[in-house]
C-alpha atoms as a PDB file:
ATOM      1  CA  MET A   1      15.492 -51.263  -3.227  1.00  0.00           C
ATOM      2  CA  THR A   2      17.775 -53.713  -1.581  1.00  0.00           C
ATOM      3  CA  ILE A   3      17.795 -53.551   2.261  1.00  0.00           C
ATOM      4  CA  THR A   4      20.476 -55.206   4.351  1.00  0.00           C
ATOM      5  CA  PRO A   5      20.605 -54.915   7.928  1.00  0.00           C
ATOM      6  CA  LEU A   6      24.313 -54.152   9.446  1.00  0.00           C
ATOM      7  CA  ALA A   7      25.657 -56.035  12.500  1.00  0.00           C
ATOM      8  CA  ILE A   8      23.686 -53.674  14.640  1.00  0.00           C
ATOM      9  CA  PRO A   9      20.176 -54.105  12.915  1.00  0.00           C
ATOM     10  CA  ASP A  10      18.635 -50.506  13.175  1.00  0.00           C
ATOM     11  CA  VAL A  11      21.516 -49.065  10.656  1.00  0.00           C
ATOM     12  CA  LEU A  12      20.445 -50.383   7.306  1.00  0.00           C
ATOM     13  CA  LEU A  13      22.327 -50.043   3.785  1.00  0.00           C
ATOM     14  CA  ILE A  14      19.660 -49.290   1.495  1.00  0.00           C
ATOM     15  CA  THR A  15      20.598 -49.900  -2.211  1.00  0.00           C
ATOM     16  CA  PRO A  16      18.397 -48.159  -4.788  1.00  0.00           C
ATOM     17  CA  LYS A  17      17.538 -50.183  -8.050  1.00  0.00           C
ATOM     18  CA  ARG A  18      19.041 -48.117 -11.136  1.00  0.00           C
ATOM     19  CA  HIS A  19      17.229 -48.377 -14.465  1.00  0.00           C
ATOM     20  CA  GLY A  20      19.458 -47.623 -16.963  1.00  0.00           C
ATOM     21  CA  ASP A  21      20.039 -47.369 -20.912  1.00  0.00           C
ATOM     22  CA  ALA A  22      22.200 -45.432 -23.365  1.00  0.00           C
ATOM     23  CA  ARG A  23      21.323 -42.169 -22.327  1.00  0.00           C
ATOM     24  CA  GLY A  24      22.328 -42.871 -18.245  1.00  0.00           C
ATOM     25  CA  TRP A  25      20.335 -44.118 -15.790  1.00  0.00           C
ATOM     26  CA  PHE A  26      17.601 -43.080 -13.341  1.00  0.00           C
ATOM     27  CA  SER A  27      16.886 -44.558  -9.613  1.00  0.00           C
ATOM     28  CA  GLU A  28      14.281 -43.758  -6.961  1.00  0.00           C
ATOM     29  CA  THR A  29      16.322 -42.925  -3.587  1.00  0.00           C
ATOM     30  CA  TRP A  30      13.618 -42.671  -1.378  1.00  0.00           C
ATOM     31  CA  SER A  31       9.884 -44.229  -1.759  1.00  0.00           C
ATOM     32  CA  GLN A  32       7.914 -44.438   1.573  1.00  0.00           C
ATOM     33  CA  LYS A  33       5.867 -47.195  -0.022  1.00  0.00           C
ATOM     34  CA  ALA A  34       9.039 -49.231  -0.771  1.00  0.00           C
ATOM     35  CA  LEU A  35      10.562 -48.631   2.634  1.00  0.00           C
ATOM     36  CA  ALA A  36       7.195 -49.414   4.425  1.00  0.00           C
ATOM     37  CA  GLY A  37       8.198 -50.738   8.086  1.00  0.00           C
ATOM     38  CA  THR A  38      11.549 -49.971   7.939  1.00  0.00           C
ATOM     39  CA  VAL A  39      12.417 -45.607   7.567  1.00  0.00           C
ATOM     40  CA  ALA A  40       9.154 -44.986   6.186  1.00  0.00           C
ATOM     41  CA  ASP A  41       7.555 -44.236   9.472  1.00  0.00           C
ATOM     42  CA  THR A  42      10.115 -41.382   9.031  1.00  0.00           C
ATOM     43  CA  THR A  43       9.180 -37.719   7.994  1.00  0.00           C
ATOM     44  CA  PHE A  44      12.013 -36.023   7.053  1.00  0.00           C
ATOM     45  CA  VAL A  45      12.187 -32.182   7.616  1.00  0.00           C
ATOM     46  CA  GLN A  46      15.454 -30.913   6.031  1.00  0.00           C
ATOM     47  CA  ASP A  47      17.885 -31.940   3.417  1.00  0.00           C
ATOM     48  CA  ASN A  48      21.539 -31.304   3.732  1.00  0.00           C
ATOM     49  CA  GLN A  49      24.710 -31.424   1.426  1.00  0.00           C
ATOM     50  CA  ALA A  50      28.243 -31.446   2.345  1.00  0.00           C
ATOM     51  CA  PHE A  51      31.310 -31.073  -0.144  1.00  0.00           C
ATOM     52  CA  SER A  52      34.815 -32.364   1.067  1.00  0.00           C
ATOM     53  CA  SER A  53      37.790 -31.224  -1.292  1.00  0.00           C
ATOM     54  CA  THR A  54      40.213 -34.183  -0.475  1.00  0.00           C
ATOM     55  CA  LYS A  55      40.539 -37.504   0.384  1.00  0.00           C
ATOM     56  CA  GLY A  56      41.100 -38.194   4.247  1.00  0.00           C
ATOM     57  CA  ILE A  57      38.917 -35.505   6.004  1.00  0.00           C
ATOM     58  CA  ILE A  58      36.857 -37.290   8.843  1.00  0.00           C
ATOM     59  CA  ARG A  59      33.602 -35.257   9.676  1.00  0.00           C
ATOM     60  CA  GLY A  60      31.962 -36.469  13.056  1.00  0.00           C
ATOM     61  CA  LEU A  61      31.281 -38.340  15.234  1.00  0.00           C
ATOM     62  CA  HIS A  62      28.174 -36.310  15.584  1.00  0.00           C
ATOM     63  CA  PHE A  63      24.629 -36.796  16.740  1.00  0.00           C
ATOM     64  CA  GLN A  64      21.805 -34.356  18.416  1.00  0.00           C
ATOM     65  CA  LYS A  65      20.139 -35.262  21.755  1.00  0.00           C
ATOM     66  CA  SER A  66      16.615 -34.975  22.671  1.00  0.00           C
ATOM     67  CA  PRO A  67      14.227 -33.017  21.969  1.00  0.00           C
ATOM     68  CA  ASN A  68      15.833 -32.651  18.160  1.00  0.00           C
ATOM     69  CA  ALA A  69      17.735 -35.977  18.223  1.00  0.00           C
ATOM     70  CA  GLN A  70      17.840 -37.118  14.197  1.00  0.00           C
ATOM     71  CA  GLY A  71      18.025 -40.037  12.328  1.00  0.00           C
ATOM     72  CA  LYS A  72      19.978 -39.639   8.977  1.00  0.00           C
ATOM     73  CA  LEU A  73      19.954 -41.127   5.424  1.00  0.00           C
ATOM     74  CA  ILE A  74      23.130 -40.835   3.901  1.00  0.00           C
ATOM     75  CA  ARG A  75      24.385 -40.899   0.274  1.00  0.00           C
ATOM     76  CA  ALA A  76      27.130 -39.933  -1.647  1.00  0.00           C
ATOM     77  CA  LEU A  77      26.593 -37.783  -4.975  1.00  0.00           C
ATOM     78  CA  ARG A  78      29.852 -37.723  -6.082  1.00  0.00           C
ATOM     79  CA  GLY A  79      33.255 -39.820  -4.723  1.00  0.00           C
ATOM     80  CA  ALA A  80      33.246 -41.901  -2.180  1.00  0.00           C
ATOM     81  CA  ILE A  81      33.165 -42.817   1.692  1.00  0.00           C
ATOM     82  CA  PHE A  82      33.709 -44.432   4.637  1.00  0.00           C
ATOM     83  CA  ASP A  83      30.609 -44.110   6.706  1.00  0.00           C
ATOM     84  CA  VAL A  84      30.103 -45.122  10.566  1.00  0.00           C
ATOM     85  CA  ALA A  85      27.464 -45.110  13.016  1.00  0.00           C
ATOM     86  CA  VAL A  86      28.206 -45.553  16.921  1.00  0.00           C
ATOM     87  CA  ASP A  87      25.255 -46.942  18.800  1.00  0.00           C
ATOM     88  CA  VAL A  88      24.947 -44.204  21.750  1.00  0.00           C
ATOM     89  CA  ARG A  89      21.445 -45.100  23.315  1.00  0.00           C
ATOM     90  CA  PRO A  90      21.383 -45.454  26.955  1.00  0.00           C
ATOM     91  CA  GLY A  91      20.790 -49.056  27.614  1.00  0.00           C
ATOM     92  CA  SER A  92      21.042 -50.383  24.294  1.00  0.00           C
ATOM     93  CA  ALA A  93      22.114 -54.043  23.927  1.00  0.00           C
ATOM     94  CA  THR A  94      24.822 -52.592  21.297  1.00  0.00           C
ATOM     95  CA  TYR A  95      25.954 -49.035  23.274  1.00  0.00           C
ATOM     96  CA  GLY A  96      29.209 -48.322  22.463  1.00  0.00           C
ATOM     97  CA  ARG A  97      29.275 -50.899  19.223  1.00  0.00           C
ATOM     98  CA  TRP A  98      29.745 -49.330  15.847  1.00  0.00           C
ATOM     99  CA  VAL A  99      29.254 -50.327  12.108  1.00  0.00           C
ATOM    100  CA  SER A 100      30.331 -49.022   8.812  1.00  0.00           C
ATOM    101  CA  ALA A 101      29.500 -49.349   5.142  1.00  0.00           C
ATOM    102  CA  GLU A 102      31.132 -48.017   2.130  1.00  0.00           C
ATOM    103  CA  LEU A 103      29.178 -45.217   0.163  1.00  0.00           C
ATOM    104  CA  THR A 104      29.775 -44.096  -3.372  1.00  0.00           C
ATOM    105  CA  ALA A 105      28.082 -42.397  -6.056  1.00  0.00           C
ATOM    106  CA  GLU A 106      28.981 -44.822  -8.338  1.00  0.00           C
ATOM    107  CA  GLY A 107      26.707 -47.582  -6.314  1.00  0.00           C
ATOM    108  CA  GLY A 108      24.285 -45.387  -4.922  1.00  0.00           C
ATOM    109  CA  GLU A 109      24.355 -46.653  -1.711  1.00  0.00           C
ATOM    110  CA  GLN A 110      22.488 -45.161   1.170  1.00  0.00           C
ATOM    111  CA  LEU A 111      22.733 -45.717   5.061  1.00  0.00           C
ATOM    112  CA  TRP A 112      20.155 -45.227   7.493  1.00  0.00           C
ATOM    113  CA  VAL A 113      21.426 -44.278  10.563  1.00  0.00           C
ATOM    114  CA  PRO A 114      18.354 -43.825  13.065  1.00  0.00           C
ATOM    115  CA  ARG A 115      18.353 -41.614  16.427  1.00  0.00           C
ATOM    116  CA  GLY A 116      20.470 -42.616  19.217  1.00  0.00           C
ATOM    117  CA  PHE A 117      23.547 -42.992  16.817  1.00  0.00           C
ATOM    118  CA  ALA A 118      26.724 -40.949  16.515  1.00  0.00           C
ATOM    119  CA  HIS A 119      27.327 -40.475  12.985  1.00  0.00           C
ATOM    120  CA  GLY A 120      30.585 -39.828  11.128  1.00  0.00           C
ATOM    121  CA  TYR A 121      32.518 -40.739   7.923  1.00  0.00           C
ATOM    122  CA  CYS A 122      35.963 -40.465   6.084  1.00  0.00           C
ATOM    123  CA  THR A 123      36.255 -39.098   2.450  1.00  0.00           C
ATOM    124  CA  LEU A 124      37.710 -41.823   0.397  1.00  0.00           C
ATOM    125  CA  THR A 125      38.480 -39.675  -2.436  1.00  0.00           C
ATOM    126  CA  ALA A 126      38.887 -35.981  -3.214  1.00  0.00           C
ATOM    127  CA  GLU A 127      35.933 -34.151  -4.364  1.00  0.00           C
ATOM    128  CA  CYS A 128      33.402 -35.905  -2.417  1.00  0.00           C
ATOM    129  CA  GLU A 129      29.676 -34.909  -2.579  1.00  0.00           C
ATOM    130  CA  ILE A 130      27.296 -35.940   0.308  1.00  0.00           C
ATOM    131  CA  PHE A 131      23.738 -35.465   0.782  1.00  0.00           C
ATOM    132  CA  TYR A 132      21.724 -36.689   3.502  1.00  0.00           C
ATOM    133  CA  LYS A 133      18.049 -36.342   4.949  1.00  0.00           C
ATOM    134  CA  VAL A 134      17.518 -35.709   8.385  1.00  0.00           C
ATOM    135  CA  ASP A 135      14.138 -36.172  10.433  1.00  0.00           C
ATOM    136  CA  ALA A 136      14.756 -33.083  12.833  1.00  0.00           C
ATOM    137  CA  PRO A 137      15.748 -29.931  12.280  1.00  0.00           C
ATOM    138  CA  TYR A 138      19.486 -28.735  13.306  1.00  0.00           C
ATOM    139  CA  SER A 139      19.673 -27.245  16.963  1.00  0.00           C
ATOM    140  CA  PRO A 140      22.960 -26.354  18.157  1.00  0.00           C
ATOM    141  CA  GLY A 141      22.193 -26.232  21.397  1.00  0.00           C
ATOM    142  CA  ASP A 142      21.224 -30.230  21.298  1.00  0.00           C
ATOM    143  CA  GLU A 143      24.556 -31.261  19.572  1.00  0.00           C
ATOM    144  CA  GLY A 144      26.740 -33.813  20.813  1.00  0.00           C
ATOM    145  CA  GLY A 145      29.386 -36.305  19.809  1.00  0.00           C
ATOM    146  CA  LEU A 146      32.365 -38.623  20.140  1.00  0.00           C
ATOM    147  CA  ILE A 147      36.120 -37.918  19.353  1.00  0.00           C
ATOM    148  CA  TRP A 148      37.055 -39.853  15.965  1.00  0.00           C
ATOM    149  CA  ASN A 149      39.978 -41.790  17.240  1.00  0.00           C
ATOM    150  CA  ASP A 150      38.443 -43.190  20.791  1.00  0.00           C
ATOM    151  CA  PRO A 151      40.480 -45.768  21.262  1.00  0.00           C
ATOM    152  CA  ASP A 152      37.372 -47.744  23.180  1.00  0.00           C
ATOM    153  CA  LEU A 153      35.749 -47.621  19.791  1.00  0.00           C
ATOM    154  CA  GLY A 154      38.664 -48.572  17.675  1.00  0.00           C
ATOM    155  CA  ILE A 155      37.298 -47.645  14.392  1.00  0.00           C
ATOM    156  CA  PRO A 156      39.712 -48.699  11.674  1.00  0.00           C
ATOM    157  CA  TRP A 157      39.477 -45.362   9.774  1.00  0.00           C
ATOM    158  CA  PRO A 158      40.966 -46.011   6.247  1.00  0.00           C
ATOM    159  CA  LEU A 159      43.795 -42.937   6.398  1.00  0.00           C
ATOM    160  CA  ASP A 160      46.984 -42.717   4.673  1.00  0.00           C
ATOM    161  CA  GLY A 161      48.131 -40.218   7.291  1.00  0.00           C
ATOM    162  CA  GLU A 162      46.469 -37.565   9.549  1.00  0.00           C
ATOM    163  CA  PRO A 163      42.967 -36.921   8.974  1.00  0.00           C
ATOM    164  CA  LEU A 164      41.779 -33.162   8.017  1.00  0.00           C
ATOM    165  CA  LEU A 165      39.529 -32.343  10.886  1.00  0.00           C
ATOM    166  CA  SER A 166      37.317 -29.110  11.800  1.00  0.00           C
ATOM    167  CA  ASP A 167      38.383 -27.547  15.189  1.00  0.00           C
ATOM    168  CA  LYS A 168      35.199 -28.743  16.732  1.00  0.00           C
ATOM    169  CA  ASP A 169      35.590 -32.214  15.928  1.00  0.00           C
ATOM    170  CA  THR A 170      38.987 -32.245  17.603  1.00  0.00           C
ATOM    171  CA  LYS A 171      37.398 -31.412  21.149  1.00  0.00           C
ATOM    172  CA  LEU A 172      34.598 -34.188  21.106  1.00  0.00           C
ATOM    173  CA  PRO A 173      34.807 -36.182  24.309  1.00  0.00           C
ATOM    174  CA  ARG A 174      35.611 -40.143  24.490  1.00  0.00           C
ATOM    175  CA  LEU A 175      32.604 -42.496  25.033  1.00  0.00           C
ATOM    176  CA  LYS A 176      33.833 -43.287  28.646  1.00  0.00           C
ATOM    177  CA  ASP A 177      33.075 -39.407  29.013  1.00  0.00           C
ATOM    178  CA  LEU A 178      30.234 -38.836  27.335  1.00  0.00           C
ATOM    179  CA  GLY A 179      27.366 -40.011  30.005  1.00  0.00           C
ATOM    180  CA  PRO A 180      24.084 -40.444  29.332  1.00  0.00           C
ATOM    181  CA  VAL A 181      22.050 -39.214  26.312  1.00  0.00           C
ATOM    182  CA  ALA A 182      18.367 -38.963  26.118  1.00  0.00           C
ATOM    183  CA  PHE A 183      17.085 -39.412  22.475  1.00  0.00           C
END
């Protein structure tokens, strides 16, 4: 596996090796041994899968606060996404900064988003299927988020027009209105 820290070094782009021949390929997408010292100290407790039908769907920016804060390992099983992590850890030197990576089914890239980050993505293709592992169970009472188009964040979402959003995601606060969150 190739592990590349992004501009916020706690967020990692992980690209598993693919071993292929005329039949196709094989890839080890999670290995506690290979990722020792990085995300290997994480115990994943839930796997999630999401399907998005069209290009230009934005999901996020979501997080869970303590006691059920979540770290996530995200990858595309089909299609491609523009994946974003925003640092919302109070007192962090990179608070309010964001990083992004393109995750594709073809390339097999994965993004490690640790606890204390809001996470979201935009579909770059139709029929995107996303898989992610989390290290805490879903807890509706601990949900939080940021509005996708917060001008203070200035995320350049790769959109051709207006995004398709859930009703919930249209009502999230801006970073300046978030207040302190415990992770």
